[in-house]
Amino acid sequence: MNKYELLYIISSDVAEEKREEIIKKFTSYVENKKGTVEGIDKWGMRKFAYPIDFKNEGYYVLMNITMDPEEVDPMAKLMNITEGVVRQIFVRK
């Protein structure tokens, strides 16, 4: 089990209820794969350095997680196909 920082951006046009659903979806994914979520830090709306998908801002979420290294790629793929997620990055601590 490794410790990771997961930073992802949710599109600015996603409603607040849907945003919370997305955050819960990824939290439960980590827990279902026998990982732990140490903390979720919701940074809120921030401006992008450059336009992404013709948008200039998004909702940033930082998760500190511990999970099996083999589960990082499947989770990244899940995040890529999840509607509303603009970008994500895993950083091993």
PDB file of N, CA and C in Angstrom:
ATOM      1  N   MET A   1       0.835  -1.185   0.000  1.00  0.00           N
ATOM      2  CA  MET A   1       0.000   0.000   0.000  1.00  0.00           C
ATOM      3  C   MET A   1       0.878   1.246   0.000  1.00  0.00           C
ATOM      4  N   ASN A   2       0.588   2.126  -0.942  1.00  0.00           N
ATOM      5  CA  ASN A   2       1.328   3.370  -1.060  1.00  0.00           C
ATOM      6  C   ASN A   2       0.408   4.549  -0.745  1.00  0.00           C
ATOM      7  N   LYS A   3       1.024   5.644  -0.341  1.00  0.00           N
ATOM      8  CA  LYS A   3       0.276   6.875  -0.096  1.00  0.00           C
ATOM      9  C   LYS A   3       0.324   7.728  -1.365  1.00  0.00           C
ATOM     10  N   TYR A   4      -0.825   8.304  -1.719  1.00  0.00           N
ATOM     11  CA  TYR A   4      -0.932   9.138  -2.916  1.00  0.00           C
ATOM     12  C   TYR A   4      -1.687  10.416  -2.587  1.00  0.00           C
ATOM     13  N   GLU A   5      -1.354  11.443  -3.349  1.00  0.00           N
ATOM     14  CA  GLU A   5      -2.184  12.633  -3.414  1.00  0.00           C
ATOM     15  C   GLU A   5      -2.882  12.566  -4.758  1.00  0.00           C
ATOM     16  N   LEU A   6      -4.181  12.676  -4.743  1.00  0.00           N
ATOM     17  CA  LEU A   6      -4.973  12.655  -5.968  1.00  0.00           C
ATOM     18  C   LEU A   6      -5.631  14.017  -6.100  1.00  0.00           C
ATOM     19  N   LEU A   7      -5.272  14.742  -7.136  1.00  0.00           N
ATOM     20  CA  LEU A   7      -5.874  16.038  -7.418  1.00  0.00           C
ATOM     21  C   LEU A   7      -6.685  15.890  -8.680  1.00  0.00           C
ATOM     22  N   TYR A   8      -7.957  16.245  -8.617  1.00  0.00           N
ATOM     23  CA  TYR A   8      -8.773  16.212  -9.828  1.00  0.00           C
ATOM     24  C   TYR A   8      -9.635  17.458  -9.918  1.00  0.00           C
ATOM     25  N   ILE A   9     -10.039  17.761 -11.145  1.00  0.00           N
ATOM     26  CA  ILE A   9     -10.811  18.962 -11.437  1.00  0.00           C
ATOM     27  C   ILE A   9     -12.158  18.531 -11.996  1.00  0.00           C
ATOM     28  N   ILE A  10     -13.213  19.051 -11.404  1.00  0.00           N
ATOM     29  CA  ILE A  10     -14.564  18.804 -11.889  1.00  0.00           C
ATOM     30  C   ILE A  10     -14.989  20.032 -12.677  1.00  0.00           C
ATOM     31  N   SER A  11     -15.635  19.807 -13.795  1.00  0.00           N
ATOM     32  CA  SER A  11     -16.057  20.888 -14.684  1.00  0.00           C
ATOM     33  C   SER A  11     -16.922  21.906 -13.943  1.00  0.00           C
ATOM     34  N   SER A  12     -16.805  23.163 -14.341  1.00  0.00           N
ATOM     35  CA  SER A  12     -17.529  24.241 -13.664  1.00  0.00           C
ATOM     36  C   SER A  12     -19.035  24.193 -13.921  1.00  0.00           C
ATOM     37  N   ASP A  13     -19.468  23.535 -14.980  1.00  0.00           N
ATOM     38  CA  ASP A  13     -20.904  23.501 -15.290  1.00  0.00           C
ATOM     39  C   ASP A  13     -21.639  22.330 -14.630  1.00  0.00           C
ATOM     40  N   VAL A  14     -20.946  21.557 -13.791  1.00  0.00           N
ATOM     41  CA  VAL A  14     -21.576  20.455 -13.058  1.00  0.00           C
ATOM     42  C   VAL A  14     -22.271  21.021 -11.824  1.00  0.00           C
ATOM     43  N   ALA A  15     -23.519  20.603 -11.587  1.00  0.00           N
ATOM     44  CA  ALA A  15     -24.284  21.074 -10.433  1.00  0.00           C
ATOM     45  C   ALA A  15     -23.645  20.586  -9.131  1.00  0.00           C
ATOM     46  N   GLU A  16     -23.944  21.284  -8.043  1.00  0.00           N
ATOM     47  CA  GLU A  16     -23.321  20.969  -6.757  1.00  0.00           C
ATOM     48  C   GLU A  16     -23.664  19.559  -6.271  1.00  0.00           C
ATOM     49  N   GLU A  17     -24.906  19.111  -6.481  1.00  0.00           N
ATOM     50  CA  GLU A  17     -25.298  17.763  -6.058  1.00  0.00           C
ATOM     51  C   GLU A  17     -24.513  16.708  -6.840  1.00  0.00           C
ATOM     52  N   LYS A  18     -24.382  16.923  -8.131  1.00  0.00           N
ATOM     53  CA  LYS A  18     -23.642  15.995  -8.994  1.00  0.00           C
ATOM     54  C   LYS A  18     -22.162  15.994  -8.604  1.00  0.00           C
ATOM     55  N   ARG A  19     -21.632  17.153  -8.226  1.00  0.00           N
ATOM     56  CA  ARG A  19     -20.241  17.276  -7.801  1.00  0.00           C
ATOM     57  C   ARG A  19     -19.992  16.415  -6.558  1.00  0.00           C
ATOM     58  N   GLU A  20     -20.919  16.481  -5.602  1.00  0.00           N
ATOM     59  CA  GLU A  20     -20.789  15.671  -4.386  1.00  0.00           C
ATOM     60  C   GLU A  20     -20.889  14.179  -4.710  1.00  0.00           C
ATOM     61  N   GLU A  21     -21.738  13.829  -5.688  1.00  0.00           N
ATOM     62  CA  GLU A  21     -21.843  12.427  -6.126  1.00  0.00           C
ATOM     63  C   GLU A  21     -20.518  11.925  -6.683  1.00  0.00           C
ATOM     64  N   ILE A  22     -19.859  12.758  -7.481  1.00  0.00           N
ATOM     65  CA  ILE A  22     -18.574  12.378  -8.075  1.00  0.00           C
ATOM     66  C   ILE A  22     -17.532  12.161  -6.976  1.00  0.00           C
ATOM     67  N   ILE A  23     -17.491  13.057  -5.992  1.00  0.00           N
ATOM     68  CA  ILE A  23     -16.528  12.931  -4.898  1.00  0.00           C
ATOM     69  C   ILE A  23     -16.797  11.648  -4.110  1.00  0.00           C
ATOM     70  N   LYS A  24     -18.069  11.354  -3.826  1.00  0.00           N
ATOM     71  CA  LYS A  24     -18.423  10.125  -3.100  1.00  0.00           C
ATOM     72  C   LYS A  24     -18.100   8.886  -3.926  1.00  0.00           C
ATOM     73  N   LYS A  25     -18.268   8.978  -5.234  1.00  0.00           N
ATOM     74  CA  LYS A  25     -17.971   7.846  -6.127  1.00  0.00           C
ATOM     75  C   LYS A  25     -16.499   7.454  -6.010  1.00  0.00           C
ATOM     76  N   PHE A  26     -15.606   8.434  -6.059  1.00  0.00           N
ATOM     77  CA  PHE A  26     -14.177   8.136  -5.989  1.00  0.00           C
ATOM     78  C   PHE A  26     -13.755   7.721  -4.580  1.00  0.00           C
ATOM     79  N   THR A  27     -14.394   8.290  -3.553  1.00  0.00           N
ATOM     80  CA  THR A  27     -14.109   7.880  -2.181  1.00  0.00           C
ATOM     81  C   THR A  27     -14.499   6.420  -1.969  1.00  0.00           C
ATOM     82  N   SER A  28     -15.682   6.048  -2.436  1.00  0.00           N
ATOM     83  CA  SER A  28     -16.126   4.665  -2.262  1.00  0.00           C
ATOM     84  C   SER A  28     -15.303   3.712  -3.117  1.00  0.00           C
ATOM     85  N   TYR A  29     -14.815   4.167  -4.276  1.00  0.00           N
ATOM     86  CA  TYR A  29     -13.963   3.317  -5.106  1.00  0.00           C
ATOM     87  C   TYR A  29     -12.694   2.939  -4.339  1.00  0.00           C
ATOM     88  N   VAL A  30     -12.071   3.929  -3.720  1.00  0.00           N
ATOM     89  CA  VAL A  30     -10.844   3.667  -2.952  1.00  0.00           C
ATOM     90  C   VAL A  30     -11.139   2.707  -1.803  1.00  0.00           C
ATOM     91  N   GLU A  31     -12.232   2.930  -1.090  1.00  0.00           N
ATOM     92  CA  GLU A  31     -12.568   2.082   0.051  1.00  0.00           C
ATOM     93  C   GLU A  31     -12.940   0.668  -0.380  1.00  0.00           C
ATOM     94  N   ASN A  32     -13.599   0.512  -1.537  1.00  0.00           N
ATOM     95  CA  ASN A  32     -13.959  -0.818  -2.043  1.00  0.00           C
ATOM     96  C   ASN A  32     -12.738  -1.616  -2.474  1.00  0.00           C
ATOM     97  N   LYS A  33     -11.670  -0.939  -2.835  1.00  0.00           N
ATOM     98  CA  LYS A  33     -10.424  -1.604  -3.235  1.00  0.00           C
ATOM     99  C   LYS A  33      -9.477  -1.759  -2.050  1.00  0.00           C
ATOM    100  N   LYS A  34     -10.037  -1.739  -0.851  1.00  0.00           N
ATOM    101  CA  LYS A  34      -9.301  -1.930   0.402  1.00  0.00           C
ATOM    102  C   LYS A  34      -8.271  -0.832   0.684  1.00  0.00           C
ATOM    103  N   GLY A  35      -8.541   0.351   0.160  1.00  0.00           N
ATOM    104  CA  GLY A  35      -7.697   1.505   0.441  1.00  0.00           C
ATOM    105  C   GLY A  35      -8.346   2.373   1.504  1.00  0.00           C
ATOM    106  N   THR A  36      -7.669   3.429   1.893  1.00  0.00           N
ATOM    107  CA  THR A  36      -8.219   4.365   2.868  1.00  0.00           C
ATOM    108  C   THR A  36      -8.094   5.785   2.344  1.00  0.00           C
ATOM    109  N   VAL A  37      -9.050   6.606   2.726  1.00  0.00           N
ATOM    110  CA  VAL A  37      -9.035   8.026   2.388  1.00  0.00           C
ATOM    111  C   VAL A  37      -8.700   8.774   3.661  1.00  0.00           C
ATOM    112  N   GLU A  38      -7.505   9.374   3.693  1.00  0.00           N
ATOM    113  CA  GLU A  38      -7.079  10.108   4.893  1.00  0.00           C
ATOM    114  C   GLU A  38      -7.728  11.481   4.970  1.00  0.00           C
ATOM    115  N   GLY A  39      -8.000  12.073   3.816  1.00  0.00           N
ATOM    116  CA  GLY A  39      -8.607  13.399   3.835  1.00  0.00           C
ATOM    117  C   GLY A  39      -9.047  13.847   2.458  1.00  0.00           C
ATOM    118  N   ILE A  40     -10.075  14.676   2.453  1.00  0.00           N
ATOM    119  CA  ILE A  40     -10.559  15.283   1.219  1.00  0.00           C
ATOM    120  C   ILE A  40     -10.550  16.784   1.435  1.00  0.00           C
ATOM    121  N   ASP A  41      -9.836  17.492   0.588  1.00  0.00           N
ATOM    122  CA  ASP A  41      -9.732  18.941   0.682  1.00  0.00           C
ATOM    123  C   ASP A  41     -10.375  19.538  -0.563  1.00  0.00           C
ATOM    124  N   LYS A  42     -11.519  20.175  -0.376  1.00  0.00           N
ATOM    125  CA  LYS A  42     -12.240  20.793  -1.503  1.00  0.00           C
ATOM    126  C   LYS A  42     -11.750  22.229  -1.644  1.00  0.00           C
ATOM    127  N   TRP A  43     -10.995  22.474  -2.697  1.00  0.00           N
ATOM    128  CA  TRP A  43     -10.421  23.801  -2.915  1.00  0.00           C
ATOM    129  C   TRP A  43     -11.429  24.775  -3.488  1.00  0.00           C
ATOM    130  N   GLY A  44     -12.463  24.266  -4.132  1.00  0.00           N
ATOM    131  CA  GLY A  44     -13.477  25.136  -4.725  1.00  0.00           C
ATOM    132  C   GLY A  44     -13.119  25.531  -6.149  1.00  0.00           C
ATOM    133  N   MET A  45     -13.820  26.537  -6.640  1.00  0.00           N
ATOM    134  CA  MET A  45     -13.624  26.998  -8.014  1.00  0.00           C
ATOM    135  C   MET A  45     -12.319  27.783  -8.121  1.00  0.00           C
ATOM    136  N   ARG A  46     -11.539  27.418  -9.131  1.00  0.00           N
ATOM    137  CA  ARG A  46     -10.277  28.104  -9.408  1.00  0.00           C
ATOM    138  C   ARG A  46     -10.175  28.343 -10.906  1.00  0.00           C
ATOM    139  N   LYS A  47      -9.483  29.385 -11.262  1.00  0.00           N
ATOM    140  CA  LYS A  47      -9.240  29.666 -12.676  1.00  0.00           C
ATOM    141  C   LYS A  47      -8.127  28.776 -13.203  1.00  0.00           C
ATOM    142  N   PHE A  48      -8.258  28.349 -14.459  1.00  0.00           N
ATOM    143  CA  PHE A  48      -7.222  27.562 -15.119  1.00  0.00           C
ATOM    144  C   PHE A  48      -6.130  28.494 -15.638  1.00  0.00           C
ATOM    145  N   ALA A  49      -4.945  27.951 -15.808  1.00  0.00           N
ATOM    146  CA  ALA A  49      -3.849  28.722 -16.403  1.00  0.00           C
ATOM    147  C   ALA A  49      -4.088  28.931 -17.892  1.00  0.00           C
ATOM    148  N   TYR A  50      -4.820  27.994 -18.489  1.00  0.00           N
ATOM    149  CA  TYR A  50      -5.171  28.071 -19.909  1.00  0.00           C
ATOM    150  C   TYR A  50      -6.511  27.376 -20.080  1.00  0.00           C
ATOM    151  N   PRO A  51      -7.281  27.719 -21.115  1.00  0.00           N
ATOM    152  CA  PRO A  51      -8.598  27.098 -21.293  1.00  0.00           C
ATOM    153  C   PRO A  51      -8.491  25.585 -21.530  1.00  0.00           C
ATOM    154  N   ILE A  52      -9.379  24.840 -20.877  1.00  0.00           N
ATOM    155  CA  ILE A  52      -9.490  23.401 -21.066  1.00  0.00           C
ATOM    156  C   ILE A  52     -10.927  23.129 -21.495  1.00  0.00           C
ATOM    157  N   ASP A  53     -11.097  22.507 -22.647  1.00  0.00           N
ATOM    158  CA  ASP A  53     -12.431  22.231 -23.187  1.00  0.00           C
ATOM    159  C   ASP A  53     -13.272  23.509 -23.241  1.00  0.00           C
ATOM    160  N   PHE A  54     -12.665  24.597 -23.624  1.00  0.00           N
ATOM    161  CA  PHE A  54     -13.302  25.901 -23.786  1.00  0.00           C
ATOM    162  C   PHE A  54     -13.858  26.462 -22.471  1.00  0.00           C
ATOM    163  N   LYS A  55     -13.320  26.015 -21.352  1.00  0.00           N
ATOM    164  CA  LYS A  55     -13.719  26.532 -20.043  1.00  0.00           C
ATOM    165  C   LYS A  55     -12.501  27.156 -19.376  1.00  0.00           C
ATOM    166  N   ASN A  56     -12.764  28.141 -18.519  1.00  0.00           N
ATOM    167  CA  ASN A  56     -11.675  28.866 -17.882  1.00  0.00           C
ATOM    168  C   ASN A  56     -11.542  28.593 -16.393  1.00  0.00           C
ATOM    169  N   GLU A  57     -12.476  27.807 -15.807  1.00  0.00           N
ATOM    170  CA  GLU A  57     -12.377  27.493 -14.393  1.00  0.00           C
ATOM    171  C   GLU A  57     -12.994  26.132 -14.105  1.00  0.00           C
ATOM    172  N   GLY A  58     -12.624  25.583 -12.931  1.00  0.00           N
ATOM    173  CA  GLY A  58     -13.136  24.283 -12.526  1.00  0.00           C
ATOM    174  C   GLY A  58     -13.071  24.142 -11.019  1.00  0.00           C
ATOM    175  N   TYR A  59     -13.710  23.095 -10.504  1.00  0.00           N
ATOM    176  CA  TYR A  59     -13.772  22.819  -9.067  1.00  0.00           C
ATOM    177  C   TYR A  59     -12.678  21.818  -8.723  1.00  0.00           C
ATOM    178  N   TYR A  60     -11.727  22.232  -7.901  1.00  0.00           N
ATOM    179  CA  TYR A  60     -10.568  21.405  -7.555  1.00  0.00           C
ATOM    180  C   TYR A  60     -10.827  20.610  -6.277  1.00  0.00           C
ATOM    181  N   VAL A  61     -10.436  19.319  -6.302  1.00  0.00           N
ATOM    182  CA  VAL A  61     -10.559  18.457  -5.125  1.00  0.00           C
ATOM    183  C   VAL A  61      -9.237  17.723  -4.935  1.00  0.00           C
ATOM    184  N   LEU A  62      -8.701  17.770  -3.709  1.00  0.00           N
ATOM    185  CA  LEU A  62      -7.463  17.065  -3.368  1.00  0.00           C
ATOM    186  C   LEU A  62      -7.799  15.973  -2.367  1.00  0.00           C
ATOM    187  N   MET A  63      -7.436  14.723  -2.719  1.00  0.00           N
ATOM    188  CA  MET A  63      -7.664  13.591  -1.822  1.00  0.00           C
ATOM    189  C   MET A  63      -6.323  12.993  -1.428  1.00  0.00           C
ATOM    190  N   ASN A  64      -6.133  12.753  -0.142  1.00  0.00           N
ATOM    191  CA  ASN A  64      -4.980  12.008   0.346  1.00  0.00           C
ATOM    192  C   ASN A  64      -5.447  10.588   0.594  1.00  0.00           C
ATOM    193  N   ILE A  65      -4.864   9.643  -0.140  1.00  0.00           N
ATOM    194  CA  ILE A  65      -5.338   8.266  -0.077  1.00  0.00           C
ATOM    195  C   ILE A  65      -4.179   7.297   0.098  1.00  0.00           C
ATOM    196  N   THR A  66      -4.495   6.112   0.603  1.00  0.00           N
ATOM    197  CA  THR A  66      -3.565   4.999   0.665  1.00  0.00           C
ATOM    198  C   THR A  66      -4.230   3.857  -0.076  1.00  0.00           C
ATOM    199  N   MET A  67      -3.558   3.338  -1.105  1.00  0.00           N
ATOM    200  CA  MET A  67      -4.131   2.238  -1.863  1.00  0.00           C
ATOM    201  C   MET A  67      -3.049   1.431  -2.545  1.00  0.00           C
ATOM    202  N   ASP A  68      -3.442   0.270  -3.027  1.00  0.00           N
ATOM    203  CA  ASP A  68      -2.557  -0.646  -3.727  1.00  0.00           C
ATOM    204  C   ASP A  68      -2.088  -0.007  -5.035  1.00  0.00           C
ATOM    205  N   PRO A  69      -0.806  -0.079  -5.380  1.00  0.00           N
ATOM    206  CA  PRO A  69      -0.315   0.542  -6.613  1.00  0.00           C
ATOM    207  C   PRO A  69      -0.976  -0.007  -7.877  1.00  0.00           C
ATOM    208  N   GLU A  70      -1.432  -1.266  -7.846  1.00  0.00           N
ATOM    209  CA  GLU A  70      -2.076  -1.838  -9.029  1.00  0.00           C
ATOM    210  C   GLU A  70      -3.440  -1.221  -9.296  1.00  0.00           C
ATOM    211  N   GLU A  71      -4.005  -0.523  -8.333  1.00  0.00           N
ATOM    212  CA  GLU A  71      -5.333   0.068  -8.494  1.00  0.00           C
ATOM    213  C   GLU A  71      -5.293   1.506  -9.020  1.00  0.00           C
ATOM    214  N   VAL A  72      -4.105   2.080  -9.156  1.00  0.00           N
ATOM    215  CA  VAL A  72      -4.003   3.471  -9.605  1.00  0.00           C
ATOM    216  C   VAL A  72      -4.439   3.613 -11.065  1.00  0.00           C
ATOM    217  N   ASP A  73      -3.930   2.763 -11.957  1.00  0.00           N
ATOM    218  CA  ASP A  73      -4.300   2.860 -13.373  1.00  0.00           C
ATOM    219  C   ASP A  73      -5.784   2.610 -13.612  1.00  0.00           C
ATOM    220  N   PRO A  74      -6.384   1.572 -13.007  1.00  0.00           N
ATOM    221  CA  PRO A  74      -7.833   1.409 -13.204  1.00  0.00           C
ATOM    222  C   PRO A  74      -8.646   2.601 -12.703  1.00  0.00           C
ATOM    223  N   MET A  75      -8.213   3.194 -11.599  1.00  0.00           N
ATOM    224  CA  MET A  75      -8.943   4.357 -11.090  1.00  0.00           C
ATOM    225  C   MET A  75      -8.776   5.551 -12.021  1.00  0.00           C
ATOM    226  N   ALA A  76      -7.570   5.731 -12.564  1.00  0.00           N
ATOM    227  CA  ALA A  76      -7.336   6.826 -13.510  1.00  0.00           C
ATOM    228  C   ALA A  76      -8.202   6.649 -14.756  1.00  0.00           C
ATOM    229  N   LYS A  77      -8.329   5.411 -15.220  1.00  0.00           N
ATOM    230  CA  LYS A  77      -9.183   5.148 -16.385  1.00  0.00           C
ATOM    231  C   LYS A  77     -10.642   5.427 -16.070  1.00  0.00           C
ATOM    232  N   LEU A  78     -11.085   5.052 -14.871  1.00  0.00           N
ATOM    233  CA  LEU A  78     -12.454   5.352 -14.450  1.00  0.00           C
ATOM    234  C   LEU A  78     -12.690   6.855 -14.423  1.00  0.00           C
ATOM    235  N   MET A  79     -11.711   7.608 -13.919  1.00  0.00           N
ATOM    236  CA  MET A  79     -11.846   9.056 -13.848  1.00  0.00           C
ATOM    237  C   MET A  79     -11.887   9.678 -15.245  1.00  0.00           C
ATOM    238  N   ASN A  80     -11.126   9.103 -16.184  1.00  0.00           N
ATOM    239  CA  ASN A  80     -11.115   9.625 -17.547  1.00  0.00           C
ATOM    240  C   ASN A  80     -12.462   9.475 -18.237  1.00  0.00           C
ATOM    241  N   ILE A  81     -13.208   8.414 -17.909  1.00  0.00           N
ATOM    242  CA  ILE A  81     -14.494   8.217 -18.573  1.00  0.00           C
ATOM    243  C   ILE A  81     -15.670   8.773 -17.770  1.00  0.00           C
ATOM    244  N   THR A  82     -15.403   9.278 -16.558  1.00  0.00           N
ATOM    245  CA  THR A  82     -16.461   9.861 -15.743  1.00  0.00           C
ATOM    246  C   THR A  82     -16.803  11.241 -16.284  1.00  0.00           C
ATOM    247  N   GLU A  83     -18.087  11.422 -16.583  1.00  0.00           N
ATOM    248  CA  GLU A  83     -18.523  12.702 -17.118  1.00  0.00           C
ATOM    249  C   GLU A  83     -18.414  13.777 -16.047  1.00  0.00           C
ATOM    250  N   GLY A  84     -17.813  14.886 -16.383  1.00  0.00           N
ATOM    251  CA  GLY A  84     -17.650  15.994 -15.454  1.00  0.00           C
ATOM    252  C   GLY A  84     -16.234  16.157 -14.931  1.00  0.00           C
ATOM    253  N   VAL A  85     -15.403  15.116 -15.031  1.00  0.00           N
ATOM    254  CA  VAL A  85     -14.021  15.217 -14.570  1.00  0.00           C
ATOM    255  C   VAL A  85     -13.165  15.720 -15.734  1.00  0.00           C
ATOM    256  N   VAL A  86     -12.493  16.831 -15.514  1.00  0.00           N
ATOM    257  CA  VAL A  86     -11.705  17.458 -16.573  1.00  0.00           C
ATOM    258  C   VAL A  86     -10.281  16.891 -16.603  1.00  0.00           C
ATOM    259  N   ARG A  87      -9.623  16.862 -15.451  1.00  0.00           N
ATOM    260  CA  ARG A  87      -8.253  16.380 -15.338  1.00  0.00           C
ATOM    261  C   ARG A  87      -8.063  15.682 -13.999  1.00  0.00           C
ATOM    262  N   GLN A  88      -7.045  14.816 -13.915  1.00  0.00           N
ATOM    263  CA  GLN A  88      -6.671  14.214 -12.651  1.00  0.00           C
ATOM    264  C   GLN A  88      -5.198  13.897 -12.678  1.00  0.00           C
ATOM    265  N   ILE A  89      -4.592  13.856 -11.488  1.00  0.00           N
ATOM    266  CA  ILE A  89      -3.195  13.478 -11.379  1.00  0.00           C
ATOM    267  C   ILE A  89      -2.982  12.765 -10.041  1.00  0.00           C
ATOM    268  N   PHE A  90      -2.283  11.661 -10.107  1.00  0.00           N
ATOM    269  CA  PHE A  90      -1.873  10.915  -8.917  1.00  0.00           C
ATOM    270  C   PHE A  90      -0.411  11.241  -8.662  1.00  0.00           C
ATOM    271  N   VAL A  91      -0.060  11.557  -7.429  1.00  0.00           N
ATOM    272  CA  VAL A  91       1.314  11.807  -7.038  1.00  0.00           C
ATOM    273  C   VAL A  91       1.611  10.905  -5.849  1.00  0.00           C
ATOM    274  N   ARG A  92       2.645  10.059  -5.989  1.00  0.00           N
ATOM    275  CA  ARG A  92       3.026   9.186  -4.885  1.00  0.00           C
ATOM    276  C   ARG A  92       3.810   9.986  -3.872  1.00  0.00           C
ATOM    277  N   LYS A  93       3.436   9.868  -2.606  1.00  0.00           N
ATOM    278  CA  LYS A  93       4.126  10.614  -1.538  1.00  0.00           C
ATOM    279  C   LYS A  93       5.405   9.906  -1.148  1.00  0.00           C
TER     280      LYS A  93
END
